[in-house]
Protein backbone atom coordinates (compact mmCIF):
# COMPACT_ATOMS: atom_id res chain seq x y z
CA MET A 1 -18.78 -5.84 -74.59
CA MET A 2 -16.48 -8.44 -73.07
CA THR A 3 -17.96 -10.52 -70.24
CA ARG A 4 -15.76 -10.52 -67.17
CA THR A 5 -15.58 -13.59 -64.99
CA ILE A 6 -14.54 -15.00 -61.63
CA SER A 7 -12.80 -18.37 -61.87
CA THR A 8 -11.82 -20.69 -59.04
CA ARG A 9 -9.59 -23.65 -58.51
CA HIS A 10 -8.16 -25.40 -55.51
CA LYS A 11 -5.03 -27.32 -54.57
CA LEU A 12 -5.66 -29.21 -51.36
CA LEU A 13 -3.09 -31.51 -49.76
CA THR A 14 -5.44 -33.01 -47.15
CA ASP A 15 -9.17 -33.53 -46.60
CA GLU A 16 -9.27 -30.98 -43.77
CA TRP A 17 -10.63 -28.15 -45.96
CA THR A 18 -12.45 -30.17 -48.66
CA ALA A 19 -16.04 -29.60 -47.50
CA GLY A 20 -15.42 -25.95 -46.65
CA VAL A 21 -13.73 -25.25 -49.97
CA GLU A 22 -16.65 -26.81 -51.86
CA MET A 23 -19.03 -24.43 -50.05
CA VAL A 24 -16.76 -21.43 -50.66
CA GLU A 25 -16.43 -22.25 -54.37
CA ALA A 26 -20.22 -22.55 -54.69
CA ALA A 27 -20.58 -19.10 -53.10
CA ILE A 28 -17.94 -17.66 -55.44
CA ARG A 29 -19.81 -19.01 -58.50
CA HIS A 30 -22.87 -17.01 -57.39
CA MET A 31 -20.88 -13.79 -56.87
CA GLY A 32 -20.65 -13.08 -60.59
CA ILE A 33 -24.40 -13.60 -60.95
CA GLU A 34 -25.30 -11.24 -58.10
CA HIS A 35 -22.93 -8.40 -59.09
CA PRO A 36 -21.35 -7.36 -62.37
CA VAL A 37 -17.66 -8.24 -62.49
CA THR A 38 -15.65 -5.20 -63.58
CA ASN A 39 -12.17 -6.61 -62.95
CA GLU A 40 -11.78 -10.21 -64.10
CA CYS A 41 -10.22 -12.35 -61.40
CA ARG A 42 -9.03 -15.80 -60.47
CA VAL A 43 -9.40 -17.28 -56.97
CA VAL A 44 -7.13 -20.10 -55.83
CA LEU A 45 -7.72 -21.88 -52.52
CA PHE A 46 -4.83 -24.03 -51.34
CA GLU A 47 -2.98 -25.66 -48.50
CA VAL A 48 0.73 -25.46 -47.72
CA ALA A 49 2.61 -28.39 -46.20
CA HIS A 50 2.97 -28.18 -42.41
CA ASP A 51 0.41 -25.34 -42.17
CA SER A 52 -3.20 -26.08 -41.23
CA SER A 53 -4.54 -22.77 -42.60
CA LEU A 54 -6.43 -22.34 -45.84
CA HIS A 55 -4.53 -19.99 -48.13
CA VAL A 56 -6.37 -17.89 -50.70
CA ASN A 57 -4.98 -15.92 -53.62
CA VAL A 58 -7.19 -13.52 -55.59
CA THR A 59 -5.57 -12.35 -58.81
CA HIS A 60 -7.15 -9.48 -60.74
CA ASN A 61 -6.27 -8.28 -64.22
CA ASP A 62 -6.12 -4.69 -62.94
CA LYS A 63 -4.60 -3.46 -59.67
CA THR A 64 -7.05 -3.00 -56.78
CA LYS A 65 -7.13 -0.88 -53.68
CA SER A 66 -6.14 -2.57 -50.43
CA VAL A 67 -8.75 -4.56 -48.53
CA SER A 68 -8.45 -5.05 -44.77
CA GLY A 69 -6.99 -8.44 -43.86
CA TRP A 70 -5.48 -9.07 -47.30
CA ALA A 71 -1.79 -8.72 -48.24
CA GLY A 72 -0.98 -7.15 -51.57
CA PRO A 73 -1.44 -6.35 -54.28
CA ALA A 74 1.73 -7.74 -55.79
CA ARG A 75 2.48 -7.70 -59.51
CA VAL A 76 2.55 -11.20 -61.06
CA SER A 77 2.73 -12.37 -64.67
CA ASP A 78 -1.06 -12.46 -65.12
CA GLY A 79 -2.10 -9.42 -63.08
CA PHE A 80 -2.09 -8.38 -59.44
CA VAL A 81 -2.43 -10.86 -56.57
CA ASN A 82 -3.73 -10.37 -53.04
CA ASN A 83 -3.60 -13.14 -50.48
CA ARG A 84 -4.58 -14.12 -46.97
CA THR A 85 -5.01 -17.17 -44.78
CA PHE A 86 -7.98 -18.52 -42.86
CA SER A 87 -7.82 -20.83 -39.85
CA SER A 88 -10.99 -21.64 -37.97
CA MET A 89 -13.56 -19.54 -39.81
CA ARG A 90 -16.89 -20.82 -41.17
CA PRO A 91 -17.03 -21.20 -44.97
CA ASP A 92 -19.73 -18.52 -45.32
CA ARG A 93 -17.49 -16.00 -43.54
CA ILE A 94 -14.51 -17.00 -45.70
CA ALA A 95 -16.68 -16.47 -48.78
CA SER A 96 -17.68 -13.04 -47.47
CA HIS A 97 -14.03 -12.00 -47.11
CA ILE A 98 -13.28 -13.33 -50.60
CA HIS A 99 -16.28 -11.38 -51.93
CA ASP A 100 -14.80 -8.17 -50.51
CA MET A 101 -11.52 -8.86 -52.31
CA VAL A 102 -13.11 -10.00 -55.59
CA PHE A 103 -15.12 -6.78 -55.78
CA ALA A 104 -12.38 -4.45 -54.48
CA ASP A 105 -12.28 -1.08 -56.21
CA LYS A 106 -9.65 -0.59 -58.88
CA ALA A 107 -6.65 1.39 -57.73
């Protein structure tokens, strides 16, 4: 049986989100331990120039059902991506929203 995983990476332009992103990535690493991953996914946390929000893309191999607050899914070369932005939310709440998207039901 193939082991499914959750991978993360970040592309930050400033230090504004550094500490929060480190906490969110630590929480994401534990997600795969706490629950079996049935739809391998990649999480990217990033900033966009002239925008103070944290942007998050969650790309699954297989299409998922919609999750409140997330845009998508859109077909991309390596699967299906959903995205959303976060402004002034605590890292643990951001991680909770990402958890909901990571473990979204397959469509």
